């Protein structure tokens, strides 16, 4: 299934009060996630979930740019009628899917935020790639450089890897998704 980002979904971000630069980021994440999902291929991937999950993942930035923006975004998403699969991505995307103890340490509701669906992992991986490509911290000549240098970049720039647990989680997603892409 081909999925295109809906203007009505972009308008929902505007109506919620998401700042323009964050909307630009969300659109780039959705586009990158759809591109990765397309390279993975297969009929089992829910392209609408990938696209909408990428687009809405930072809805909570309408209210805050702090760590709880994932939880707040999920609440806002439920309020505007987004499906649970999308609000799950919004809530879980913080640091790529926290464990209960990590959530507790960060002052978030204690529960398991593990990314169970392939679509969730694609969106979170795309989010990290878009940050690397567009933050201006790392020199990236072509977008593919971010994927090819992903492990080195995350190990070199703590902003992207955060801490050892988060770093290993992101590296796991990278290896999993690149492995699927290469085997297609």
C-alpha atoms as a PDB file:
ATOM      1  CA  UNK A   1       0.000   0.000   0.000  1.00  0.00           C
ATOM      2  CA  UNK A   2       1.321   3.415  -0.951  1.00  0.00           C
ATOM      3  CA  UNK A   3       0.636   6.022   1.678  1.00  0.00           C
ATOM      4  CA  UNK A   4       0.987   9.778   1.247  1.00  0.00           C
ATOM      5  CA  UNK A   5       1.076  12.260   4.099  1.00  0.00           C
ATOM      6  CA  UNK A   6      -2.347  13.835   4.440  1.00  0.00           C
ATOM      7  CA  UNK A   7      -2.689  17.614   4.469  1.00  0.00           C
ATOM      8  CA  UNK A   8      -5.520  17.214   6.979  1.00  0.00           C
ATOM      9  CA  UNK A   9      -3.073  15.482   9.338  1.00  0.00           C
ATOM     10  CA  UNK A  10      -0.564  18.318   8.879  1.00  0.00           C
ATOM     11  CA  UNK A  11      -3.384  20.764   9.614  1.00  0.00           C
ATOM     12  CA  UNK A  12      -4.180  18.813  12.811  1.00  0.00           C
ATOM     13  CA  UNK A  13      -0.610  19.496  13.973  1.00  0.00           C
ATOM     14  CA  UNK A  14      -1.080  23.212  13.234  1.00  0.00           C
ATOM     15  CA  UNK A  15      -4.441  23.314  15.057  1.00  0.00           C
ATOM     16  CA  UNK A  16      -2.900  21.604  18.086  1.00  0.00           C
ATOM     17  CA  UNK A  17      -0.277  24.353  18.255  1.00  0.00           C
ATOM     18  CA  UNK A  18       2.827  22.404  17.215  1.00  0.00           C
ATOM     19  CA  UNK A  19       5.501  24.974  16.258  1.00  0.00           C
ATOM     20  CA  UNK A  20       6.322  25.210  12.549  1.00  0.00           C
ATOM     21  CA  UNK A  21       9.899  23.947  12.929  1.00  0.00           C
ATOM     22  CA  UNK A  22       8.608  20.885  14.777  1.00  0.00           C
ATOM     23  CA  UNK A  23       6.017  20.294  12.040  1.00  0.00           C
ATOM     24  CA  UNK A  24       8.818  20.438   9.472  1.00  0.00           C
ATOM     25  CA  UNK A  25      10.712  17.860  11.544  1.00  0.00           C
ATOM     26  CA  UNK A  26       7.625  15.640  11.832  1.00  0.00           C
ATOM     27  CA  UNK A  27       7.072  15.728   8.068  1.00  0.00           C
ATOM     28  CA  UNK A  28      10.717  14.783   7.466  1.00  0.00           C
ATOM     29  CA  UNK A  29      10.450  11.900   9.941  1.00  0.00           C
ATOM     30  CA  UNK A  30       7.282  10.642   8.234  1.00  0.00           C
ATOM     31  CA  UNK A  31       8.940  10.881   4.809  1.00  0.00           C
ATOM     32  CA  UNK A  32      12.111   9.125   5.988  1.00  0.00           C
ATOM     33  CA  UNK A  33      10.101   6.420   7.765  1.00  0.00           C
ATOM     34  CA  UNK A  34       8.032   5.793   4.629  1.00  0.00           C
ATOM     35  CA  UNK A  35      11.204   5.637   2.540  1.00  0.00           C
ATOM     36  CA  UNK A  36      12.782   3.089   4.910  1.00  0.00           C
ATOM     37  CA  UNK A  37       9.574   1.043   5.004  1.00  0.00           C
ATOM     38  CA  UNK A  38       9.507   1.099   1.207  1.00  0.00           C
ATOM     39  CA  UNK A  39      13.073  -0.214   1.050  1.00  0.00           C
ATOM     40  CA  UNK A  40      12.154  -2.959   3.496  1.00  0.00           C
ATOM     41  CA  UNK A  41       9.156  -3.828   1.341  1.00  0.00           C
ATOM     42  CA  UNK A  42       6.776  -6.621   1.994  1.00  0.00           C
ATOM     43  CA  UNK A  43       3.038  -6.584   2.366  1.00  0.00           C
ATOM     44  CA  UNK A  44       3.185  -6.917   6.140  1.00  0.00           C
ATOM     45  CA  UNK A  45       4.162  -3.304   6.857  1.00  0.00           C
ATOM     46  CA  UNK A  46       1.321  -0.912   7.659  1.00  0.00           C
ATOM     47  CA  UNK A  47       2.474   2.099   5.633  1.00  0.00           C
ATOM     48  CA  UNK A  48      -0.284   4.331   7.009  1.00  0.00           C
ATOM     49  CA  UNK A  49       0.872   3.565  10.549  1.00  0.00           C
ATOM     50  CA  UNK A  50       4.468   4.322   9.559  1.00  0.00           C
ATOM     51  CA  UNK A  51       3.533   7.615   7.892  1.00  0.00           C
ATOM     52  CA  UNK A  52       1.059   8.849  10.464  1.00  0.00           C
ATOM     53  CA  UNK A  53       3.180   7.598  13.367  1.00  0.00           C
ATOM     54  CA  UNK A  54       6.128   9.566  12.007  1.00  0.00           C
ATOM     55  CA  UNK A  55       4.014  12.649  11.401  1.00  0.00           C
ATOM     56  CA  UNK A  56       2.353  12.705  14.826  1.00  0.00           C
ATOM     57  CA  UNK A  57       5.240  11.403  16.977  1.00  0.00           C
ATOM     58  CA  UNK A  58       6.030  14.905  18.327  1.00  0.00           C
ATOM     59  CA  UNK A  59       2.450  16.166  18.739  1.00  0.00           C
ATOM     60  CA  UNK A  60       3.229  16.731  22.427  1.00  0.00           C
ATOM     61  CA  UNK A  61       5.619  19.522  21.438  1.00  0.00           C
ATOM     62  CA  UNK A  62       2.484  21.633  21.115  1.00  0.00           C
ATOM     63  CA  UNK A  63       2.677  21.784  24.935  1.00  0.00           C
ATOM     64  CA  UNK A  64       6.304  21.068  25.891  1.00  0.00           C
ATOM     65  CA  UNK A  65       9.711  20.143  24.516  1.00  0.00           C
ATOM     66  CA  UNK A  66      10.570  18.286  27.705  1.00  0.00           C
ATOM     67  CA  UNK A  67      10.895  14.508  28.129  1.00  0.00           C
ATOM     68  CA  UNK A  68       7.178  14.097  28.851  1.00  0.00           C
ATOM     69  CA  UNK A  69       6.197  15.351  25.375  1.00  0.00           C
ATOM     70  CA  UNK A  70       5.667  11.732  24.277  1.00  0.00           C
ATOM     71  CA  UNK A  71       3.101  11.047  27.007  1.00  0.00           C
ATOM     72  CA  UNK A  72       1.431  14.428  26.533  1.00  0.00           C
ATOM     73  CA  UNK A  73       1.334  13.894  22.767  1.00  0.00           C
ATOM     74  CA  UNK A  74      -0.316  10.493  23.205  1.00  0.00           C
ATOM     75  CA  UNK A  75      -2.993  12.113  25.402  1.00  0.00           C
ATOM     76  CA  UNK A  76      -3.558  14.842  22.806  1.00  0.00           C
ATOM     77  CA  UNK A  77      -3.675  12.216  20.068  1.00  0.00           C
ATOM     78  CA  UNK A  78      -6.353  10.260  21.909  1.00  0.00           C
ATOM     79  CA  UNK A  79      -8.316  13.507  22.370  1.00  0.00           C
ATOM     80  CA  UNK A  80      -8.345  14.153  18.603  1.00  0.00           C
ATOM     81  CA  UNK A  81      -9.277  10.563  17.824  1.00  0.00           C
ATOM     82  CA  UNK A  82      -6.007   9.072  16.607  1.00  0.00           C
ATOM     83  CA  UNK A  83      -5.880   5.266  16.633  1.00  0.00           C
ATOM     84  CA  UNK A  84      -4.123   3.573  19.536  1.00  0.00           C
ATOM     85  CA  UNK A  85      -1.323   2.262  17.292  1.00  0.00           C
ATOM     86  CA  UNK A  86      -0.366   5.863  16.494  1.00  0.00           C
ATOM     87  CA  UNK A  87      -0.650   7.143  20.067  1.00  0.00           C
ATOM     88  CA  UNK A  88       1.485   4.173  21.143  1.00  0.00           C
ATOM     89  CA  UNK A  89       4.270   5.382  18.834  1.00  0.00           C
ATOM     90  CA  UNK A  90       3.928   8.888  20.250  1.00  0.00           C
ATOM     91  CA  UNK A  91       4.156   7.683  23.832  1.00  0.00           C
ATOM     92  CA  UNK A  92       6.931   5.149  23.251  1.00  0.00           C
ATOM     93  CA  UNK A  93       9.282   7.169  21.041  1.00  0.00           C
ATOM     94  CA  UNK A  94      11.150   8.771  23.936  1.00  0.00           C
ATOM     95  CA  UNK A  95      14.680   7.337  23.862  1.00  0.00           C
ATOM     96  CA  UNK A  96      13.489   4.628  21.535  1.00  0.00           C
ATOM     97  CA  UNK A  97      11.292   2.668  23.934  1.00  0.00           C
ATOM     98  CA  UNK A  98      12.033   2.852  27.638  1.00  0.00           C
ATOM     99  CA  UNK A  99      11.875   0.071  30.177  1.00  0.00           C
ATOM    100  CA  UNK A 100       9.877   0.633  33.367  1.00  0.00           C
ATOM    101  CA  UNK A 101      12.986   1.407  35.465  1.00  0.00           C
ATOM    102  CA  UNK A 102      14.222   3.900  32.848  1.00  0.00           C
ATOM    103  CA  UNK A 103      10.816   5.607  32.805  1.00  0.00           C
ATOM    104  CA  UNK A 104      10.913   5.848  36.602  1.00  0.00           C
ATOM    105  CA  UNK A 105      14.387   7.374  36.491  1.00  0.00           C
ATOM    106  CA  UNK A 106      13.135  10.017  34.025  1.00  0.00           C
ATOM    107  CA  UNK A 107      10.005  10.809  36.055  1.00  0.00           C
ATOM    108  CA  UNK A 108       7.616   9.293  33.514  1.00  0.00           C
ATOM    109  CA  UNK A 109       4.756   6.926  34.335  1.00  0.00           C
ATOM    110  CA  UNK A 110       6.300   3.560  35.130  1.00  0.00           C
ATOM    111  CA  UNK A 111       5.458   1.045  32.444  1.00  0.00           C
ATOM    112  CA  UNK A 112       7.069  -0.830  29.603  1.00  0.00           C
ATOM    113  CA  UNK A 113       7.484   1.382  26.522  1.00  0.00           C
ATOM    114  CA  UNK A 114       9.234  -1.322  24.488  1.00  0.00           C
ATOM    115  CA  UNK A 115       8.777  -1.045  20.728  1.00  0.00           C
ATOM    116  CA  UNK A 116       7.103  -4.288  19.725  1.00  0.00           C
ATOM    117  CA  UNK A 117       5.967  -3.524  16.178  1.00  0.00           C
ATOM    118  CA  UNK A 118       8.311  -3.185  13.223  1.00  0.00           C
ATOM    119  CA  UNK A 119       6.470   0.012  12.252  1.00  0.00           C
ATOM    120  CA  UNK A 120       7.338   1.547  15.645  1.00  0.00           C
ATOM    121  CA  UNK A 121      11.015   0.728  15.204  1.00  0.00           C
ATOM    122  CA  UNK A 122      11.020   2.178  11.685  1.00  0.00           C
ATOM    123  CA  UNK A 123       9.578   5.484  12.941  1.00  0.00           C
ATOM    124  CA  UNK A 124      12.030   5.745  15.840  1.00  0.00           C
ATOM    125  CA  UNK A 125      14.981   4.919  13.581  1.00  0.00           C
ATOM    126  CA  UNK A 126      13.780   7.529  11.073  1.00  0.00           C
ATOM    127  CA  UNK A 127      13.477  10.104  13.879  1.00  0.00           C
ATOM    128  CA  UNK A 128      17.097   9.537  14.898  1.00  0.00           C
ATOM    129  CA  UNK A 129      18.284   9.684  11.259  1.00  0.00           C
ATOM    130  CA  UNK A 130      16.396  12.921  10.596  1.00  0.00           C
ATOM    131  CA  UNK A 131      17.998  14.486  13.683  1.00  0.00           C
ATOM    132  CA  UNK A 132      21.447  13.472  12.462  1.00  0.00           C
ATOM    133  CA  UNK A 133      20.803  14.661   8.901  1.00  0.00           C
ATOM    134  CA  UNK A 134      19.256  18.025   9.787  1.00  0.00           C
ATOM    135  CA  UNK A 135      20.656  19.137  13.174  1.00  0.00           C
ATOM    136  CA  UNK A 136      23.847  20.487  11.590  1.00  0.00           C
ATOM    137  CA  UNK A 137      26.013  18.899  14.291  1.00  0.00           C
ATOM    138  CA  UNK A 138      27.416  16.181  12.034  1.00  0.00           C
ATOM    139  CA  UNK A 139      28.543  16.919   8.481  1.00  0.00           C
ATOM    140  CA  UNK A 140      26.341  14.829   6.215  1.00  0.00           C
ATOM    141  CA  UNK A 141      26.854  15.196   2.457  1.00  0.00           C
ATOM    142  CA  UNK A 142      24.156  12.689   1.425  1.00  0.00           C
ATOM    143  CA  UNK A 143      21.331  11.288   3.536  1.00  0.00           C
ATOM    144  CA  UNK A 144      22.675   7.776   3.076  1.00  0.00           C
ATOM    145  CA  UNK A 145      25.801   8.868   4.980  1.00  0.00           C
ATOM    146  CA  UNK A 146      23.715   9.034   8.170  1.00  0.00           C
ATOM    147  CA  UNK A 147      22.787   5.371   7.770  1.00  0.00           C
ATOM    148  CA  UNK A 148      26.267   4.261   6.745  1.00  0.00           C
ATOM    149  CA  UNK A 149      27.895   6.150   9.647  1.00  0.00           C
ATOM    150  CA  UNK A 150      25.045   5.610  12.142  1.00  0.00           C
ATOM    151  CA  UNK A 151      27.002   3.563  14.687  1.00  0.00           C
ATOM    152  CA  UNK A 152      30.040   5.858  14.578  1.00  0.00           C
ATOM    153  CA  UNK A 153      27.855   8.987  14.904  1.00  0.00           C
ATOM    154  CA  UNK A 154      25.879   7.635  17.862  1.00  0.00           C
ATOM    155  CA  UNK A 155      29.061   6.550  19.630  1.00  0.00           C
ATOM    156  CA  UNK A 156      30.804   9.893  18.943  1.00  0.00           C
ATOM    157  CA  UNK A 157      27.971  12.334  19.704  1.00  0.00           C
ATOM    158  CA  UNK A 158      26.264  11.675  23.068  1.00  0.00           C
ATOM    159  CA  UNK A 159      23.298  13.852  21.990  1.00  0.00           C
ATOM    160  CA  UNK A 160      22.210  11.012  19.690  1.00  0.00           C
ATOM    161  CA  UNK A 161      23.078   7.990  21.810  1.00  0.00           C
ATOM    162  CA  UNK A 162      22.032   9.584  25.135  1.00  0.00           C
ATOM    163  CA  UNK A 163      23.358   6.844  27.435  1.00  0.00           C
ATOM    164  CA  UNK A 164      24.645   3.277  27.087  1.00  0.00           C
ATOM    165  CA  UNK A 165      21.196   1.663  27.317  1.00  0.00           C
ATOM    166  CA  UNK A 166      19.626   4.029  24.777  1.00  0.00           C
ATOM    167  CA  UNK A 167      22.673   3.803  22.514  1.00  0.00           C
ATOM    168  CA  UNK A 168      22.468   0.018  22.409  1.00  0.00           C
ATOM    169  CA  UNK A 169      18.733   0.173  21.745  1.00  0.00           C
ATOM    170  CA  UNK A 170      19.206   2.503  18.751  1.00  0.00           C
ATOM    171  CA  UNK A 171      22.097   0.414  17.454  1.00  0.00           C
ATOM    172  CA  UNK A 172      19.880  -2.658  17.669  1.00  0.00           C
ATOM    173  CA  UNK A 173      17.171  -0.981  15.573  1.00  0.00           C
ATOM    174  CA  UNK A 174      19.772   0.127  13.038  1.00  0.00           C
ATOM    175  CA  UNK A 175      21.217  -3.364  12.710  1.00  0.00           C
ATOM    176  CA  UNK A 176      17.790  -4.994  12.523  1.00  0.00           C
ATOM    177  CA  UNK A 177      16.413  -2.659   9.859  1.00  0.00           C
ATOM    178  CA  UNK A 178      19.587  -2.516   7.788  1.00  0.00           C
ATOM    179  CA  UNK A 179      19.723  -6.318   7.937  1.00  0.00           C
ATOM    180  CA  UNK A 180      16.174  -6.575   6.578  1.00  0.00           C
ATOM    181  CA  UNK A 181      16.925  -4.024   3.836  1.00  0.00           C
ATOM    182  CA  UNK A 182      20.115  -5.810   2.757  1.00  0.00           C
ATOM    183  CA  UNK A 183      18.364  -9.175   2.631  1.00  0.00           C
ATOM    184  CA  UNK A 184      15.631  -7.927   0.266  1.00  0.00           C
END
